[in-house]
C-alpha cells in the first residue's frame, strides 16, 4: 500500500491525463489517493536510487496530523474498499501519533 507522500515521485503527464488529477475532496491526501488509484489501475512504479525531492515539515500534513491520518484512511477506503481494515489501521495510527495531535485550547 501507499502510506507516504508523492514528494519523491515523478509522474508522467500522460498518467494524469488518463487517471485524472489530484482530488480536491481530499486536499491533504490527494497524492496518496492518486498513487493508490494508479496502483489499482495496474500502473507500474519504478524505484530510482536518487534524491528527487525533500519532505518539509511546514506543510498541512505535518501540522494537521489528525486531518492527514483521516484523509489517508478515506483515500485507502475509497480505492481499496476494505473499510474495517483501514479503520482499524487508522486507530492504530492514532495511538502511535497521539503525541502529535493537537488538543483544542
Protein backbone atom coordinates (compact mmCIF):
# COMPACT_ATOMS: atom_id res chain seq x y z
CA UNK A 1 0.00 0.00 0.00
CA UNK A 2 0.89 3.62 -0.21
CA UNK A 3 1.43 5.38 3.07
CA UNK A 4 3.73 8.22 2.12
CA UNK A 5 3.59 11.44 0.16
CA UNK A 6 4.41 11.80 -3.51
CA UNK A 7 7.17 14.34 -2.86
CA UNK A 8 9.72 11.94 -4.33
CA UNK A 9 7.53 10.70 -7.16
CA UNK A 10 7.91 11.72 -10.78
CA UNK A 11 4.57 11.30 -12.52
CA UNK A 12 4.12 11.43 -16.27
CA UNK A 13 1.55 13.90 -17.54
CA UNK A 14 0.02 11.09 -19.60
CA UNK A 15 -0.83 9.25 -16.37
CA UNK A 16 -2.70 12.29 -15.09
CA UNK A 17 -4.42 12.62 -18.46
CA UNK A 18 -5.54 9.00 -18.16
CA UNK A 19 -6.49 8.84 -14.47
CA UNK A 20 -7.30 12.45 -13.69
CA UNK A 21 -5.64 14.99 -11.48
CA UNK A 22 -5.44 15.32 -7.71
CA UNK A 23 -8.74 15.25 -5.84
CA UNK A 24 -10.00 18.45 -4.28
CA UNK A 25 -12.13 16.39 -1.89
CA UNK A 26 -9.01 15.17 -0.06
CA UNK A 27 -6.60 18.11 -0.18
CA UNK A 28 -4.13 16.62 2.31
CA UNK A 29 -4.11 13.07 0.92
CA UNK A 30 -4.76 13.82 -2.76
CA UNK A 31 -1.35 12.45 -3.73
CA UNK A 32 -1.96 9.23 -1.77
CA UNK A 33 -5.35 8.81 -3.47
CA UNK A 34 -3.79 9.36 -6.89
CA UNK A 35 -0.96 6.86 -6.31
CA UNK A 36 -3.37 4.25 -4.90
CA UNK A 37 -5.63 4.71 -7.92
CA UNK A 38 -2.66 4.26 -10.25
CA UNK A 39 -1.68 1.05 -8.46
CA UNK A 40 -5.24 -0.24 -8.69
CA UNK A 41 -5.27 0.56 -12.42
CA UNK A 42 -2.21 -1.68 -12.81
CA UNK A 43 0.27 1.12 -13.44
CA UNK A 44 3.92 0.33 -12.92
CA UNK A 45 6.19 2.16 -10.50
CA UNK A 46 9.97 2.12 -10.65
CA UNK A 47 12.44 2.83 -7.89
CA UNK A 48 15.28 5.24 -8.56
CA UNK A 49 18.14 5.38 -6.10
CA UNK A 50 18.30 9.16 -6.41
CA UNK A 51 17.08 12.06 -4.30
CA UNK A 52 14.46 13.92 -6.33
CA UNK A 53 12.83 15.90 -3.55
CA UNK A 54 12.84 16.51 0.16
CA UNK A 55 9.94 16.37 2.55
CA UNK A 56 9.43 19.50 4.61
CA UNK A 57 7.72 19.78 7.96
CA UNK A 58 5.88 23.06 7.40
CA UNK A 59 3.02 21.68 5.31
CA UNK A 60 -0.52 20.82 6.33
CA UNK A 61 0.17 17.10 6.60
CA UNK A 62 2.79 17.85 9.24
CA UNK A 63 0.78 20.41 11.19
CA UNK A 64 -2.62 18.66 10.98
CA UNK A 65 -1.80 15.09 11.98
CA UNK A 66 -5.42 14.14 12.65
CA UNK A 67 -6.53 15.54 9.28
CA UNK A 68 -3.71 13.77 7.47
CA UNK A 69 -4.48 10.43 9.12
CA UNK A 70 -8.21 10.79 8.47
CA UNK A 71 -7.79 11.68 4.81
CA UNK A 72 -5.28 8.89 4.27
CA UNK A 73 -7.79 6.41 5.70
CA UNK A 74 -10.52 7.80 3.44
CA UNK A 75 -8.26 7.50 0.37
CA UNK A 76 -7.44 3.88 1.18
CA UNK A 77 -11.12 3.03 1.74
CA UNK A 78 -12.15 4.80 -1.48
CA UNK A 79 -9.70 2.80 -3.58
CA UNK A 80 -9.49 -0.47 -1.67
CA UNK A 81 -12.95 -0.73 -0.11
CA UNK A 82 -11.83 -2.74 2.93
CA UNK A 83 -13.18 -0.21 5.42
CA UNK A 84 -12.81 -2.41 8.52
CA UNK A 85 -9.11 -2.95 7.81
CA UNK A 86 -8.44 0.71 7.16
CA UNK A 87 -10.47 1.97 10.13
CA UNK A 88 -8.52 -0.45 12.34
CA UNK A 89 -5.21 0.79 10.92
CA UNK A 90 -6.42 4.37 11.42
CA UNK A 91 -6.96 3.77 15.14
CA UNK A 92 -3.54 2.17 15.47
CA UNK A 93 -2.01 5.20 13.74
CA UNK A 94 -3.95 7.48 16.09
CA UNK A 95 -2.41 5.70 19.07
CA UNK A 96 1.07 5.86 17.57
CA UNK A 97 0.72 9.58 16.76
CA UNK A 98 -1.28 10.69 19.81
CA UNK A 99 1.57 12.93 20.97
CA UNK A 100 1.45 14.84 17.65
CA UNK A 101 -2.29 15.52 17.65
CA UNK A 102 -3.01 18.99 18.93
CA UNK A 103 -5.69 19.38 21.51
CA UNK A 104 -8.10 22.34 21.24
CA UNK A 105 -7.35 25.17 23.68
